[in-house]
């Protein structure tokens, strides 16, 4: 389990979540404009931001369970 703890420590230390937060903040700020908010590109970006965390949770759960068995 020491390898898993090392991996999780590196993952937590990475800029993955900080980068995601900045991207989501940028999408939010762009959405304050009605013209941007009604564009198809904005809808796709907002959907991507909303789906990233559940997908990351699903993939993490899958790999944690795969390591256990």
PDB file of N, CA and C in Angstrom:
ATOM      1  N   UNK A   1       0.811  -1.196   0.000  1.00  0.00           N
ATOM      2  CA  UNK A   1       0.000   0.000   0.000  1.00  0.00           C
ATOM      3  C   UNK A   1       0.854   1.259   0.000  1.00  0.00           C
ATOM      4  N   UNK A   2       2.150   1.123   0.257  1.00  0.00           N
ATOM      5  CA  UNK A   2       3.025   2.280   0.290  1.00  0.00           C
ATOM      6  C   UNK A   2       3.118   2.937  -1.086  1.00  0.00           C
ATOM      7  N   UNK A   3       3.085   2.106  -2.144  1.00  0.00           N
ATOM      8  CA  UNK A   3       3.121   2.653  -3.497  1.00  0.00           C
ATOM      9  C   UNK A   3       1.872   3.482  -3.791  1.00  0.00           C
ATOM     10  N   UNK A   4       0.728   3.002  -3.312  1.00  0.00           N
ATOM     11  CA  UNK A   4      -0.518   3.732  -3.527  1.00  0.00           C
ATOM     12  C   UNK A   4      -0.486   5.068  -2.794  1.00  0.00           C
ATOM     13  N   UNK A   5       0.025   5.063  -1.552  1.00  0.00           N
ATOM     14  CA  UNK A   5       0.099   6.337  -0.818  1.00  0.00           C
ATOM     15  C   UNK A   5       1.030   7.312  -1.506  1.00  0.00           C
ATOM     16  N   UNK A   6       2.123   6.804  -2.045  1.00  0.00           N
ATOM     17  CA  UNK A   6       3.049   7.687  -2.768  1.00  0.00           C
ATOM     18  C   UNK A   6       2.388   8.261  -4.004  1.00  0.00           C
ATOM     19  N   UNK A   7       1.666   7.410  -4.727  1.00  0.00           N
ATOM     20  CA  UNK A   7       0.978   7.877  -5.929  1.00  0.00           C
ATOM     21  C   UNK A   7      -0.058   8.940  -5.585  1.00  0.00           C
ATOM     22  N   UNK A   8      -0.850   8.691  -4.546  1.00  0.00           N
ATOM     23  CA  UNK A   8      -1.886   9.656  -4.160  1.00  0.00           C
ATOM     24  C   UNK A   8      -1.271  10.963  -3.674  1.00  0.00           C
ATOM     25  N   UNK A   9      -0.120  10.884  -3.015  1.00  0.00           N
ATOM     26  CA  UNK A   9       0.550  12.108  -2.572  1.00  0.00           C
ATOM     27  C   UNK A   9       1.011  12.927  -3.763  1.00  0.00           C
ATOM     28  N   UNK A  10       1.551  12.261  -4.777  1.00  0.00           N
ATOM     29  CA  UNK A  10       1.989  12.969  -5.987  1.00  0.00           C
ATOM     30  C   UNK A  10       0.792  13.565  -6.712  1.00  0.00           C
ATOM     31  N   UNK A  11      -0.300  12.803  -6.783  1.00  0.00           N
ATOM     32  CA  UNK A  11      -1.501  13.293  -7.458  1.00  0.00           C
ATOM     33  C   UNK A  11      -2.060  14.518  -6.739  1.00  0.00           C
ATOM     34  N   UNK A  12      -2.106  14.467  -5.422  1.00  0.00           N
ATOM     35  CA  UNK A  12      -2.631  15.603  -4.654  1.00  0.00           C
ATOM     36  C   UNK A  12      -1.718  16.815  -4.785  1.00  0.00           C
ATOM     37  N   UNK A  13      -0.433  16.567  -4.945  1.00  0.00           N
ATOM     38  CA  UNK A  13       0.519  17.666  -5.056  1.00  0.00           C
ATOM     39  C   UNK A  13       0.541  18.261  -6.467  1.00  0.00           C
ATOM     40  N   UNK A  14      -0.004  17.540  -7.421  1.00  0.00           N
ATOM     41  CA  UNK A  14       0.011  18.033  -8.801  1.00  0.00           C
ATOM     42  C   UNK A  14      -0.932  19.228  -8.937  1.00  0.00           C
ATOM     43  N   UNK A  15      -0.823  19.890 -10.040  1.00  0.00           N
ATOM     44  CA  UNK A  15      -1.654  21.068 -10.288  1.00  0.00           C
ATOM     45  C   UNK A  15      -2.960  20.725 -10.995  1.00  0.00           C
ATOM     46  N   UNK A  16      -3.340  19.455 -10.978  1.00  0.00           N
ATOM     47  CA  UNK A  16      -4.554  19.032 -11.670  1.00  0.00           C
ATOM     48  C   UNK A  16      -5.784  19.776 -11.156  1.00  0.00           C
ATOM     49  N   UNK A  17      -5.980  19.791  -9.849  1.00  0.00           N
ATOM     50  CA  UNK A  17      -7.182  20.404  -9.295  1.00  0.00           C
ATOM     51  C   UNK A  17      -7.125  21.929  -9.355  1.00  0.00           C
ATOM     52  N   UNK A  18      -5.946  22.496  -9.205  1.00  0.00           N
ATOM     53  CA  UNK A  18      -5.809  23.937  -9.344  1.00  0.00           C
ATOM     54  C   UNK A  18      -6.099  24.390 -10.763  1.00  0.00           C
ATOM     55  N   UNK A  19      -5.613  23.621 -11.720  1.00  0.00           N
ATOM     56  CA  UNK A  19      -5.880  23.936 -13.125  1.00  0.00           C
ATOM     57  C   UNK A  19      -7.365  23.811 -13.429  1.00  0.00           C
ATOM     58  N   UNK A  20      -7.992  22.748 -12.915  1.00  0.00           N
ATOM     59  CA  UNK A  20      -9.432  22.578 -13.121  1.00  0.00           C
ATOM     60  C   UNK A  20     -10.206  23.741 -12.512  1.00  0.00           C
ATOM     61  N   UNK A  21      -9.797  24.177 -11.340  1.00  0.00           N
ATOM     62  CA  UNK A  21     -10.483  25.304 -10.697  1.00  0.00           C
ATOM     63  C   UNK A  21     -10.353  26.572 -11.527  1.00  0.00           C
ATOM     64  N   UNK A  22      -9.183  26.828 -12.094  1.00  0.00           N
ATOM     65  CA  UNK A  22      -9.003  28.026 -12.926  1.00  0.00           C
ATOM     66  C   UNK A  22      -9.819  27.932 -14.219  1.00  0.00           C
ATOM     67  N   UNK A  23      -9.869  26.755 -14.813  1.00  0.00           N
ATOM     68  CA  UNK A  23     -10.666  26.584 -16.030  1.00  0.00           C
ATOM     69  C   UNK A  23     -12.142  26.795 -15.724  1.00  0.00           C
ATOM     70  N   UNK A  24     -12.623  26.205 -14.635  1.00  0.00           N
ATOM     71  CA  UNK A  24     -14.037  26.375 -14.268  1.00  0.00           C
ATOM     72  C   UNK A  24     -14.353  27.829 -13.928  1.00  0.00           C
ATOM     73  N   UNK A  25     -13.426  28.511 -13.268  1.00  0.00           N
ATOM     74  CA  UNK A  25     -13.631  29.929 -12.971  1.00  0.00           C
ATOM     75  C   UNK A  25     -13.701  30.738 -14.260  1.00  0.00           C
ATOM     76  N   UNK A  26     -12.844  30.423 -15.212  1.00  0.00           N
ATOM     77  CA  UNK A  26     -12.863  31.132 -16.500  1.00  0.00           C
ATOM     78  C   UNK A  26     -14.175  30.901 -17.239  1.00  0.00           C
ATOM     79  N   UNK A  27     -14.655  29.659 -17.225  1.00  0.00           N
ATOM     80  CA  UNK A  27     -15.929  29.360 -17.888  1.00  0.00           C
ATOM     81  C   UNK A  27     -17.059  30.104 -17.194  1.00  0.00           C
ATOM     82  N   UNK A  28     -17.024  30.148 -15.868  1.00  0.00           N
ATOM     83  CA  UNK A  28     -18.049  30.878 -15.122  1.00  0.00           C
ATOM     84  C   UNK A  28     -18.039  32.363 -15.473  1.00  0.00           C
ATOM     85  N   UNK A  29     -16.851  32.962 -15.480  1.00  0.00           N
ATOM     86  CA  UNK A  29     -16.760  34.398 -15.776  1.00  0.00           C
ATOM     87  C   UNK A  29     -17.209  34.703 -17.203  1.00  0.00           C
ATOM     88  N   UNK A  30     -16.886  33.813 -18.141  1.00  0.00           N
ATOM     89  CA  UNK A  30     -17.359  34.011 -19.517  1.00  0.00           C
ATOM     90  C   UNK A  30     -18.881  33.898 -19.589  1.00  0.00           C
ATOM     91  N   UNK A  31     -19.451  33.057 -18.732  1.00  0.00           N
ATOM     92  CA  UNK A  31     -20.897  32.853 -18.733  1.00  0.00           C
ATOM     93  C   UNK A  31     -21.686  34.022 -18.181  1.00  0.00           C
ATOM     94  N   UNK A  32     -21.009  34.990 -17.604  1.00  0.00           N
ATOM     95  CA  UNK A  32     -21.725  36.167 -17.122  1.00  0.00           C
ATOM     96  C   UNK A  32     -22.283  36.994 -18.276  1.00  0.00           C
ATOM     97  N   UNK A  33     -21.705  36.835 -19.439  1.00  0.00           N
ATOM     98  CA  UNK A  33     -22.205  37.526 -20.624  1.00  0.00           C
ATOM     99  C   UNK A  33     -23.286  36.668 -21.288  1.00  0.00           C
ATOM    100  N   UNK A  34     -24.430  37.257 -21.534  1.00  0.00           N
ATOM    101  CA  UNK A  34     -25.537  36.502 -22.134  1.00  0.00           C
ATOM    102  C   UNK A  34     -25.179  35.999 -23.534  1.00  0.00           C
ATOM    103  N   UNK A  35     -24.464  36.803 -24.291  1.00  0.00           N
ATOM    104  CA  UNK A  35     -24.091  36.409 -25.651  1.00  0.00           C
ATOM    105  C   UNK A  35     -23.214  35.158 -25.634  1.00  0.00           C
ATOM    106  N   UNK A  36     -22.251  35.142 -24.718  1.00  0.00           N
ATOM    107  CA  UNK A  36     -21.364  33.979 -24.605  1.00  0.00           C
ATOM    108  C   UNK A  36     -22.121  32.782 -24.062  1.00  0.00           C
ATOM    109  N   UNK A  37     -22.954  33.008 -23.055  1.00  0.00           N
ATOM    110  CA  UNK A  37     -23.687  31.927 -22.400  1.00  0.00           C
ATOM    111  C   UNK A  37     -24.612  31.189 -23.353  1.00  0.00           C
ATOM    112  N   UNK A  38     -25.113  31.871 -24.362  1.00  0.00           N
ATOM    113  CA  UNK A  38     -26.035  31.241 -25.302  1.00  0.00           C
ATOM    114  C   UNK A  38     -25.331  30.560 -26.476  1.00  0.00           C
ATOM    115  N   UNK A  39     -24.001  30.608 -26.509  1.00  0.00           N
ATOM    116  CA  UNK A  39     -23.279  29.969 -27.609  1.00  0.00           C
ATOM    117  C   UNK A  39     -23.125  28.465 -27.344  1.00  0.00           C
ATOM    118  N   UNK A  40     -23.007  27.713 -28.411  1.00  0.00           N
ATOM    119  CA  UNK A  40     -22.877  26.268 -28.315  1.00  0.00           C
ATOM    120  C   UNK A  40     -21.537  25.870 -27.670  1.00  0.00           C
ATOM    121  N   UNK A  41     -20.484  26.640 -27.944  1.00  0.00           N
ATOM    122  CA  UNK A  41     -19.179  26.335 -27.370  1.00  0.00           C
ATOM    123  C   UNK A  41     -19.205  26.458 -25.845  1.00  0.00           C
ATOM    124  N   UNK A  42     -19.909  27.485 -25.361  1.00  0.00           N
ATOM    125  CA  UNK A  42     -19.988  27.667 -23.913  1.00  0.00           C
ATOM    126  C   UNK A  42     -20.733  26.507 -23.263  1.00  0.00           C
ATOM    127  N   UNK A  43     -21.787  26.050 -23.889  1.00  0.00           N
ATOM    128  CA  UNK A  43     -22.557  24.931 -23.337  1.00  0.00           C
ATOM    129  C   UNK A  43     -21.667  23.695 -23.221  1.00  0.00           C
ATOM    130  N   UNK A  44     -20.859  23.436 -24.236  1.00  0.00           N
ATOM    131  CA  UNK A  44     -19.954  22.286 -24.201  1.00  0.00           C
ATOM    132  C   UNK A  44     -18.881  22.455 -23.123  1.00  0.00           C
ATOM    133  N   UNK A  45     -18.333  23.659 -23.004  1.00  0.00           N
ATOM    134  CA  UNK A  45     -17.327  23.904 -21.968  1.00  0.00           C
ATOM    135  C   UNK A  45     -17.918  23.741 -20.564  1.00  0.00           C
ATOM    136  N   UNK A  46     -19.100  24.277 -20.347  1.00  0.00           N
ATOM    137  CA  UNK A  46     -19.744  24.165 -19.038  1.00  0.00           C
ATOM    138  C   UNK A  46     -20.057  22.704 -18.723  1.00  0.00           C
ATOM    139  N   UNK A  47     -20.527  21.962 -19.709  1.00  0.00           N
ATOM    140  CA  UNK A  47     -20.818  20.550 -19.494  1.00  0.00           C
ATOM    141  C   UNK A  47     -19.534  19.778 -19.172  1.00  0.00           C
ATOM    142  N   UNK A  48     -18.452  20.112 -19.849  1.00  0.00           N
ATOM    143  CA  UNK A  48     -17.171  19.468 -19.564  1.00  0.00           C
ATOM    144  C   UNK A  48     -16.694  19.743 -18.147  1.00  0.00           C
ATOM    145  N   UNK A  49     -16.856  20.987 -17.710  1.00  0.00           N
ATOM    146  CA  UNK A  49     -16.457  21.331 -16.339  1.00  0.00           C
ATOM    147  C   UNK A  49     -17.313  20.586 -15.315  1.00  0.00           C
ATOM    148  N   UNK A  50     -18.598  20.463 -15.593  1.00  0.00           N
ATOM    149  CA  UNK A  50     -19.486  19.775 -14.664  1.00  0.00           C
ATOM    150  C   UNK A  50     -19.243  18.271 -14.634  1.00  0.00           C
ATOM    151  N   UNK A  51     -18.832  17.693 -15.748  1.00  0.00           N
ATOM    152  CA  UNK A  51     -18.634  16.247 -15.802  1.00  0.00           C
ATOM    153  C   UNK A  51     -17.243  15.800 -15.379  1.00  0.00           C
ATOM    154  N   UNK A  52     -16.291  16.704 -15.286  1.00  0.00           N
ATOM    155  CA  UNK A  52     -14.921  16.304 -14.990  1.00  0.00           C
ATOM    156  C   UNK A  52     -14.786  15.662 -13.614  1.00  0.00           C
ATOM    157  N   UNK A  53     -15.357  16.260 -12.597  1.00  0.00           N
ATOM    158  CA  UNK A  53     -15.197  15.724 -11.247  1.00  0.00           C
ATOM    159  C   UNK A  53     -15.873  14.361 -11.076  1.00  0.00           C
ATOM    160  N   UNK A  54     -17.113  14.154 -11.522  1.00  0.00           N
ATOM    161  CA  UNK A  54     -17.678  12.801 -11.393  1.00  0.00           C
ATOM    162  C   UNK A  54     -16.884  11.749 -12.170  1.00  0.00           C
ATOM    163  N   UNK A  55     -16.381  12.109 -13.350  1.00  0.00           N
ATOM    164  CA  UNK A  55     -15.588  11.148 -14.116  1.00  0.00           C
ATOM    165  C   UNK A  55     -14.275  10.848 -13.417  1.00  0.00           C
ATOM    166  N   UNK A  56     -13.639  11.862 -12.839  1.00  0.00           N
ATOM    167  CA  UNK A  56     -12.402  11.646 -12.102  1.00  0.00           C
ATOM    168  C   UNK A  56     -12.660  10.751 -10.894  1.00  0.00           C
ATOM    169  N   UNK A  57     -13.776  10.948 -10.222  1.00  0.00           N
ATOM    170  CA  UNK A  57     -14.147  10.102  -9.086  1.00  0.00           C
ATOM    171  C   UNK A  57     -14.378   8.653  -9.540  1.00  0.00           C
ATOM    172  N   UNK A  58     -15.077   8.476 -10.645  1.00  0.00           N
ATOM    173  CA  UNK A  58     -15.348   7.137 -11.167  1.00  0.00           C
ATOM    174  C   UNK A  58     -14.048   6.419 -11.523  1.00  0.00           C
ATOM    175  N   UNK A  59     -13.162   7.082 -12.231  1.00  0.00           N
ATOM    176  CA  UNK A  59     -11.894   6.471 -12.641  1.00  0.00           C
ATOM    177  C   UNK A  59     -11.045   6.160 -11.413  1.00  0.00           C
ATOM    178  N   UNK A  60     -10.987   7.076 -10.457  1.00  0.00           N
ATOM    179  CA  UNK A  60     -10.225   6.834  -9.233  1.00  0.00           C
ATOM    180  C   UNK A  60     -10.772   5.666  -8.437  1.00  0.00           C
ATOM    181  N   UNK A  61     -12.093   5.578  -8.324  1.00  0.00           N
ATOM    182  CA  UNK A  61     -12.716   4.465  -7.614  1.00  0.00           C
ATOM    183  C   UNK A  61     -12.427   3.144  -8.309  1.00  0.00           C
ATOM    184  N   UNK A  62     -12.487   3.153  -9.622  1.00  0.00           N
ATOM    185  CA  UNK A  62     -12.203   1.936 -10.387  1.00  0.00           C
ATOM    186  C   UNK A  62     -10.775   1.461 -10.139  1.00  0.00           C
ATOM    187  N   UNK A  63      -9.810   2.375 -10.216  1.00  0.00           N
ATOM    188  CA  UNK A  63      -8.418   1.972 -10.042  1.00  0.00           C
ATOM    189  C   UNK A  63      -8.097   1.605  -8.597  1.00  0.00           C
ATOM    190  N   UNK A  64      -8.725   2.265  -7.637  1.00  0.00           N
ATOM    191  CA  UNK A  64      -8.497   1.892  -6.243  1.00  0.00           C
ATOM    192  C   UNK A  64      -9.039   0.492  -5.991  1.00  0.00           C
ATOM    193  N   UNK A  65     -10.201   0.170  -6.535  1.00  0.00           N
ATOM    194  CA  UNK A  65     -10.761  -1.168  -6.359  1.00  0.00           C
ATOM    195  C   UNK A  65      -9.970  -2.208  -7.135  1.00  0.00           C
ATOM    196  N   UNK A  66      -9.425  -1.851  -8.275  1.00  0.00           N
ATOM    197  CA  UNK A  66      -8.614  -2.783  -9.054  1.00  0.00           C
ATOM    198  C   UNK A  66      -7.317  -3.100  -8.324  1.00  0.00           C
ATOM    199  N   UNK A  67      -6.770  -2.136  -7.603  1.00  0.00           N
ATOM    200  CA  UNK A  67      -5.531  -2.355  -6.857  1.00  0.00           C
ATOM    201  C   UNK A  67      -5.778  -3.247  -5.656  1.00  0.00           C
ATOM    202  N   UNK A  68      -6.957  -3.124  -5.042  1.00  0.00           N
ATOM    203  CA  UNK A  68      -7.280  -3.895  -3.841  1.00  0.00           C
ATOM    204  C   UNK A  68      -7.383  -5.382  -4.130  1.00  0.00           C
ATOM    205  N   UNK A  69      -7.911  -5.771  -5.292  1.00  0.00           N
ATOM    206  CA  UNK A  69      -8.199  -7.190  -5.540  1.00  0.00           C
ATOM    207  C   UNK A  69      -7.185  -7.812  -6.434  1.00  0.00           C
TER     208      UNK A  69
END
